[in-house]
Structure formats: structure tokens, C-alpha cells
Amino acid sequence: MPRWLPRLLRRIHELARGGQVRFTLKAFRELAALGAGLDTEDACGVLAALTIDDFARRLESEATGEWMYVFKPVVAGIVVYLKVIVRMDCVVVSFDEDEGEADEEP
């Protein structure tokens, strides 16, 4: 486990509980298309409940140079591919069913 991961999770939990989460249009569409009846409030609940075991990897954005963090939690019986960037808020870049997709940029 990377040493920075517990600190990152605490920050994501804090931002999610505080409602400091934004969704890219892509992530918002993916969330709506999941078919699990989830909304952005539910997605914030998922962020607030992420665990170390949900962490998959981190990637550097080619567009901005920022770290993007990939998690794969189980949500409503579905493994979700969840990619976030942590700034002053938490930006959800992707919230889609995990189908072994490539880590492309939005």
C-alpha cells in the first residue's frame, strides 16, 4: 500500500461528506447510465465510503499533469470504475461500470 493512500482517502471522505464534489459531464452521464438508480448524492456516499481495498491505481493526466486516482468499489452489485482528481474539491472524472476499460482521459 502506498504511504500516501490513507491520507488521500481521508481527504476524499472529507470532501464527499462536505459536498465538495464536482462531476464532469462524462461522469454525470455514466452515473445516469449505470441503471442502478444512483444520483450524485449516492455517488458522494460511495466516495465517502471508499476503502484502501477499492484503490486500483493512480495515473498522471496527460492534459494537466495532475494525479488521477482510480478506484473499483462495488456499488449496487456492480463493480464501478471510479476515477477522481483531488483539488480544492473532488472532481469525479469517470463513474462507469468496470468493463476492464482503458485509462483514457475524458
N, C-alpha and C. Protein backbone atom coordinates (compact mmCIF):
# COMPACT_ATOMS: atom_id res chain seq x y z
N MET A 1 0.84 -1.18 0.00
CA MET A 1 0.00 0.00 0.00
C MET A 1 0.89 1.25 0.00
N PRO A 2 0.61 2.17 -0.91
CA PRO A 2 1.39 3.43 -0.91
C PRO A 2 1.17 4.21 0.38
N ARG A 3 2.21 4.86 0.85
CA ARG A 3 2.12 5.61 2.11
C ARG A 3 1.12 6.76 2.05
N TRP A 4 0.92 7.33 0.88
CA TRP A 4 0.04 8.49 0.71
C TRP A 4 -1.44 8.10 0.63
N LEU A 5 -1.74 6.82 0.43
CA LEU A 5 -3.13 6.40 0.20
C LEU A 5 -4.07 6.69 1.38
N PRO A 6 -3.72 6.37 2.63
CA PRO A 6 -4.64 6.69 3.73
C PRO A 6 -4.96 8.19 3.82
N ARG A 7 -3.96 9.03 3.59
CA ARG A 7 -4.16 10.48 3.62
C ARG A 7 -5.10 10.91 2.48
N LEU A 8 -4.91 10.34 1.30
CA LEU A 8 -5.77 10.64 0.16
C LEU A 8 -7.22 10.24 0.46
N LEU A 9 -7.40 9.05 1.00
CA LEU A 9 -8.76 8.59 1.32
C LEU A 9 -9.42 9.49 2.35
N ARG A 10 -8.68 9.91 3.37
CA ARG A 10 -9.25 10.83 4.36
C ARG A 10 -9.72 12.13 3.69
N ARG A 11 -8.91 12.63 2.76
CA ARG A 11 -9.27 13.88 2.06
C ARG A 11 -10.51 13.68 1.18
N ILE A 12 -10.57 12.57 0.46
CA ILE A 12 -11.75 12.28 -0.37
C ILE A 12 -12.99 12.15 0.51
N HIS A 13 -12.88 11.43 1.62
CA HIS A 13 -14.01 11.27 2.55
C HIS A 13 -14.49 12.63 3.05
N GLU A 14 -13.54 13.47 3.44
CA GLU A 14 -13.86 14.80 3.96
C GLU A 14 -14.57 15.65 2.89
N LEU A 15 -14.06 15.64 1.68
CA LEU A 15 -14.67 16.42 0.60
C LEU A 15 -16.06 15.89 0.27
N ALA A 16 -16.21 14.58 0.23
CA ALA A 16 -17.51 13.98 -0.10
C ALA A 16 -18.54 14.30 0.97
N ARG A 17 -18.17 14.17 2.23
CA ARG A 17 -19.11 14.48 3.32
C ARG A 17 -19.48 15.96 3.34
N GLY A 18 -18.55 16.81 2.90
CA GLY A 18 -18.80 18.25 2.86
C GLY A 18 -19.49 18.72 1.59
N GLY A 19 -19.80 17.79 0.70
CA GLY A 19 -20.48 18.16 -0.53
C GLY A 19 -19.59 18.89 -1.52
N GLN A 20 -18.29 18.77 -1.35
CA GLN A 20 -17.35 19.46 -2.23
C GLN A 20 -16.90 18.53 -3.34
N VAL A 21 -17.87 18.10 -4.15
CA VAL A 21 -17.63 17.16 -5.23
C VAL A 21 -18.25 17.74 -6.50
N ARG A 22 -17.49 17.68 -7.58
CA ARG A 22 -18.00 18.07 -8.89
C ARG A 22 -17.89 16.87 -9.82
N PHE A 23 -18.77 16.81 -10.79
CA PHE A 23 -18.78 15.72 -11.76
C PHE A 23 -18.55 16.29 -13.15
N THR A 24 -17.64 15.68 -13.90
CA THR A 24 -17.51 16.07 -15.29
C THR A 24 -18.80 15.63 -15.99
N LEU A 25 -19.07 16.21 -17.13
CA LEU A 25 -20.26 15.81 -17.89
C LEU A 25 -20.21 14.32 -18.20
N LYS A 26 -19.02 13.83 -18.54
CA LYS A 26 -18.83 12.40 -18.84
C LYS A 26 -19.22 11.55 -17.63
N ALA A 27 -18.74 11.91 -16.45
CA ALA A 27 -19.04 11.14 -15.24
C ALA A 27 -20.52 11.21 -14.90
N PHE A 28 -21.12 12.39 -15.08
CA PHE A 28 -22.54 12.55 -14.80
C PHE A 28 -23.37 11.65 -15.71
N ARG A 29 -23.02 11.60 -16.97
CA ARG A 29 -23.73 10.73 -17.94
C ARG A 29 -23.54 9.26 -17.60
N GLU A 30 -22.30 8.90 -17.23
CA GLU A 30 -22.03 7.50 -16.88
C GLU A 30 -22.83 7.08 -15.65
N LEU A 31 -22.89 7.95 -14.67
CA LEU A 31 -23.64 7.67 -13.45
C LEU A 31 -25.11 7.42 -13.78
N ALA A 32 -25.67 8.28 -14.62
CA ALA A 32 -27.08 8.13 -15.01
C ALA A 32 -27.31 6.85 -15.81
N ALA A 33 -26.33 6.44 -16.59
CA ALA A 33 -26.47 5.27 -17.44
C ALA A 33 -26.24 3.94 -16.72
N LEU A 34 -25.75 4.00 -15.48
CA LEU A 34 -25.49 2.75 -14.75
C LEU A 34 -26.73 1.89 -14.58
N GLY A 35 -27.88 2.52 -14.52
CA GLY A 35 -29.11 1.76 -14.38
C GLY A 35 -29.37 1.27 -12.98
N ALA A 36 -28.59 1.74 -12.02
CA ALA A 36 -28.77 1.32 -10.63
C ALA A 36 -29.59 2.34 -9.85
N GLY A 37 -30.10 3.35 -10.54
CA GLY A 37 -30.90 4.37 -9.87
C GLY A 37 -30.09 5.29 -8.98
N LEU A 38 -28.81 5.45 -9.28
CA LEU A 38 -27.94 6.28 -8.46
C LEU A 38 -27.96 7.73 -8.94
N ASP A 39 -27.83 8.65 -7.99
CA ASP A 39 -27.70 10.06 -8.34
C ASP A 39 -26.39 10.59 -7.75
N THR A 40 -26.16 11.88 -7.89
CA THR A 40 -24.90 12.45 -7.42
C THR A 40 -24.76 12.35 -5.90
N GLU A 41 -25.86 12.41 -5.18
CA GLU A 41 -25.80 12.24 -3.72
C GLU A 41 -25.34 10.82 -3.37
N ASP A 42 -25.86 9.84 -4.10
CA ASP A 42 -25.42 8.45 -3.89
C ASP A 42 -23.93 8.31 -4.22
N ALA A 43 -23.49 8.96 -5.29
CA ALA A 43 -22.09 8.89 -5.68
C ALA A 43 -21.19 9.50 -4.60
N CYS A 44 -21.65 10.57 -3.98
CA CYS A 44 -20.88 11.16 -2.87
C CYS A 44 -20.80 10.18 -1.71
N GLY A 45 -21.86 9.43 -1.49
CA GLY A 45 -21.84 8.38 -0.46
C GLY A 45 -20.82 7.30 -0.78
N VAL A 46 -20.71 6.97 -2.06
CA VAL A 46 -19.70 5.99 -2.48
C VAL A 46 -18.30 6.54 -2.21
N LEU A 47 -18.07 7.80 -2.55
CA LEU A 47 -16.77 8.43 -2.30
C LEU A 47 -16.46 8.44 -0.80
N ALA A 48 -17.45 8.75 0.01
CA ALA A 48 -17.25 8.83 1.47
C ALA A 48 -16.97 7.46 2.08
N ALA A 49 -17.30 6.39 1.36
CA ALA A 49 -17.12 5.04 1.88
C ALA A 49 -15.96 4.28 1.24
N LEU A 50 -15.20 4.93 0.35
CA LEU A 50 -14.08 4.24 -0.29
C LEU A 50 -13.10 3.70 0.74
N THR A 51 -12.54 2.54 0.44
CA THR A 51 -11.56 1.91 1.32
C THR A 51 -10.25 1.69 0.56
N ILE A 52 -9.24 1.33 1.30
CA ILE A 52 -7.94 1.00 0.70
C ILE A 52 -8.10 -0.13 -0.30
N ASP A 53 -8.97 -1.09 0.00
CA ASP A 53 -9.18 -2.23 -0.90
C ASP A 53 -9.82 -1.82 -2.22
N ASP A 54 -10.49 -0.68 -2.27
CA ASP A 54 -11.12 -0.21 -3.50
C ASP A 54 -10.12 0.44 -4.46
N PHE A 55 -8.95 0.82 -3.95
CA PHE A 55 -7.95 1.51 -4.76
C PHE A 55 -7.39 0.57 -5.81
N ALA A 56 -7.28 1.07 -7.06
CA ALA A 56 -6.72 0.28 -8.15
C ALA A 56 -5.36 0.81 -8.60
N ARG A 57 -5.27 2.12 -8.87
CA ARG A 57 -4.01 2.70 -9.34
C ARG A 57 -4.15 4.22 -9.43
N ARG A 58 -3.03 4.87 -9.67
CA ARG A 58 -3.08 6.30 -9.98
C ARG A 58 -2.40 6.51 -11.32
N LEU A 59 -2.87 7.52 -12.03
CA LEU A 59 -2.36 7.84 -13.36
C LEU A 59 -2.08 9.33 -13.42
N GLU A 60 -1.14 9.71 -14.24
CA GLU A 60 -0.89 11.13 -14.44
C GLU A 60 -1.66 11.58 -15.67
N SER A 61 -2.43 12.64 -15.51
CA SER A 61 -3.19 13.20 -16.62
C SER A 61 -2.25 13.77 -17.66
N GLU A 62 -2.42 13.35 -18.89
CA GLU A 62 -1.61 13.91 -19.98
C GLU A 62 -1.99 15.36 -20.24
N ALA A 63 -3.25 15.70 -19.98
CA ALA A 63 -3.73 17.06 -20.25
C ALA A 63 -3.26 18.07 -19.21
N THR A 64 -3.28 17.69 -17.92
CA THR A 64 -2.99 18.66 -16.86
C THR A 64 -1.78 18.31 -16.00
N GLY A 65 -1.29 17.08 -16.09
CA GLY A 65 -0.18 16.65 -15.25
C GLY A 65 -0.60 16.29 -13.83
N GLU A 66 -1.89 16.38 -13.53
CA GLU A 66 -2.40 16.05 -12.20
C GLU A 66 -2.51 14.53 -12.04
N TRP A 67 -2.47 14.09 -10.78
CA TRP A 67 -2.72 12.69 -10.50
C TRP A 67 -4.21 12.42 -10.55
N MET A 68 -4.57 11.33 -11.20
CA MET A 68 -5.94 10.83 -11.21
C MET A 68 -5.91 9.49 -10.48
N TYR A 69 -6.86 9.31 -9.60
CA TYR A 69 -6.89 8.11 -8.76
C TYR A 69 -8.05 7.23 -9.19
N VAL A 70 -7.76 5.96 -9.42
CA VAL A 70 -8.76 5.01 -9.89
C VAL A 70 -9.12 4.07 -8.74
N PHE A 71 -10.42 3.96 -8.52
CA PHE A 71 -10.96 3.05 -7.51
C PHE A 71 -11.95 2.13 -8.20
N LYS A 72 -12.14 0.94 -7.64
CA LYS A 72 -13.10 -0.02 -8.18
C LYS A 72 -13.96 -0.59 -7.06
N PRO A 73 -14.85 0.25 -6.51
CA PRO A 73 -15.75 -0.24 -5.46
C PRO A 73 -16.92 -1.01 -6.07
N VAL A 74 -17.56 -1.81 -5.24
CA VAL A 74 -18.79 -2.49 -5.66
C VAL A 74 -19.95 -1.61 -5.21
N VAL A 75 -20.79 -1.24 -6.17
CA VAL A 75 -21.94 -0.36 -5.92
C VAL A 75 -23.18 -1.03 -6.48
N ALA A 76 -24.15 -1.30 -5.61
CA ALA A 76 -25.40 -1.96 -6.03
C ALA A 76 -25.11 -3.24 -6.82
N GLY A 77 -24.12 -3.99 -6.37
CA GLY A 77 -23.78 -5.26 -7.00
C GLY A 77 -22.97 -5.13 -8.28
N ILE A 78 -22.54 -3.93 -8.62
CA ILE A 78 -21.78 -3.67 -9.85
C ILE A 78 -20.40 -3.15 -9.46
N VAL A 79 -19.35 -3.69 -10.10
CA VAL A 79 -18.01 -3.13 -9.89
C VAL A 79 -17.94 -1.86 -10.74
N VAL A 80 -17.65 -0.74 -10.07
CA VAL A 80 -17.64 0.56 -10.73
C VAL A 80 -16.20 1.03 -10.93
N TYR A 81 -15.93 1.56 -12.12
CA TYR A 81 -14.66 2.20 -12.44
C TYR A 81 -14.83 3.67 -12.07
N LEU A 82 -14.17 4.11 -11.02
CA LEU A 82 -14.33 5.46 -10.47
C LEU A 82 -12.98 6.16 -10.53
N LYS A 83 -12.91 7.25 -11.29
CA LYS A 83 -11.65 7.99 -11.43
C LYS A 83 -11.89 9.41 -10.92
N VAL A 84 -11.01 9.86 -10.01
CA VAL A 84 -11.16 11.19 -9.41
C VAL A 84 -9.84 11.95 -9.45
N ILE A 85 -9.98 13.27 -9.42
CA ILE A 85 -8.85 14.18 -9.23
C ILE A 85 -9.17 14.96 -7.96
N VAL A 86 -8.20 15.08 -7.09
CA VAL A 86 -8.41 15.82 -5.84
C VAL A 86 -7.71 17.17 -5.96
N ARG A 87 -8.51 18.21 -5.87
CA ARG A 87 -8.01 19.59 -5.89
C ARG A 87 -8.51 20.22 -4.59
N MET A 88 -9.03 21.43 -4.68
CA MET A 88 -9.69 22.03 -3.51
C MET A 88 -11.02 21.33 -3.28
N ASP A 89 -11.49 20.65 -4.32
CA ASP A 89 -12.67 19.81 -4.24
C ASP A 89 -12.30 18.47 -4.86
N CYS A 90 -13.26 17.61 -4.95
CA CYS A 90 -13.04 16.29 -5.55
C CYS A 90 -13.76 16.30 -6.90
N VAL A 91 -13.03 16.08 -7.96
CA VAL A 91 -13.61 16.08 -9.30
C VAL A 91 -13.75 14.63 -9.75
N VAL A 92 -14.99 14.20 -9.97
CA VAL A 92 -15.22 12.84 -10.45
C VAL A 92 -15.12 12.89 -11.97
N VAL A 93 -14.14 12.19 -12.50
CA VAL A 93 -13.87 12.18 -13.93
C VAL A 93 -14.62 11.04 -14.61
N SER A 94 -14.74 9.91 -13.93
CA SER A 94 -15.41 8.75 -14.50
C SER A 94 -16.14 8.00 -13.40
N PHE A 95 -17.36 7.55 -13.70
CA PHE A 95 -18.16 6.76 -12.76
C PHE A 95 -18.97 5.80 -13.62
N ASP A 96 -18.34 4.70 -14.01
CA ASP A 96 -18.91 3.80 -15.01
C ASP A 96 -18.75 2.36 -14.56
N GLU A 97 -19.54 1.48 -15.13
CA GLU A 97 -19.38 0.06 -14.84
C GLU A 97 -18.00 -0.37 -15.32
N ASP A 98 -17.27 -1.11 -14.48
CA ASP A 98 -15.93 -1.55 -14.84
C ASP A 98 -16.03 -2.68 -15.85
N GLU A 99 -15.53 -2.42 -17.03
CA GLU A 99 -15.51 -3.44 -18.07
C GLU A 99 -14.08 -3.63 -18.56
N GLY A 100 -13.13 -3.41 -17.63
CA GLY A 100 -11.72 -3.54 -17.99
C GLY A 100 -11.31 -2.48 -18.99
N GLU A 101 -11.96 -1.31 -18.91
CA GLU A 101 -11.70 -0.24 -19.88
C GLU A 101 -10.30 0.32 -19.74
N ALA A 102 -9.83 0.91 -20.80
CA ALA A 102 -8.52 1.56 -20.79
C ALA A 102 -8.63 2.85 -19.98
N ASP A 103 -7.51 3.34 -19.53
CA ASP A 103 -7.48 4.56 -18.73
C ASP A 103 -7.31 5.78 -19.61
N GLU A 104 -8.29 6.03 -20.45
CA GLU A 104 -8.21 7.20 -21.32
C GLU A 104 -8.64 8.45 -20.58
N GLU A 105 -8.23 9.57 -21.09
CA GLU A 105 -8.60 10.85 -20.50
C GLU A 105 -10.02 11.21 -20.95
N PRO A 106 -10.70 12.08 -20.17
CA PRO A 106 -12.06 12.48 -20.54
C PRO A 106 -12.07 13.30 -21.83
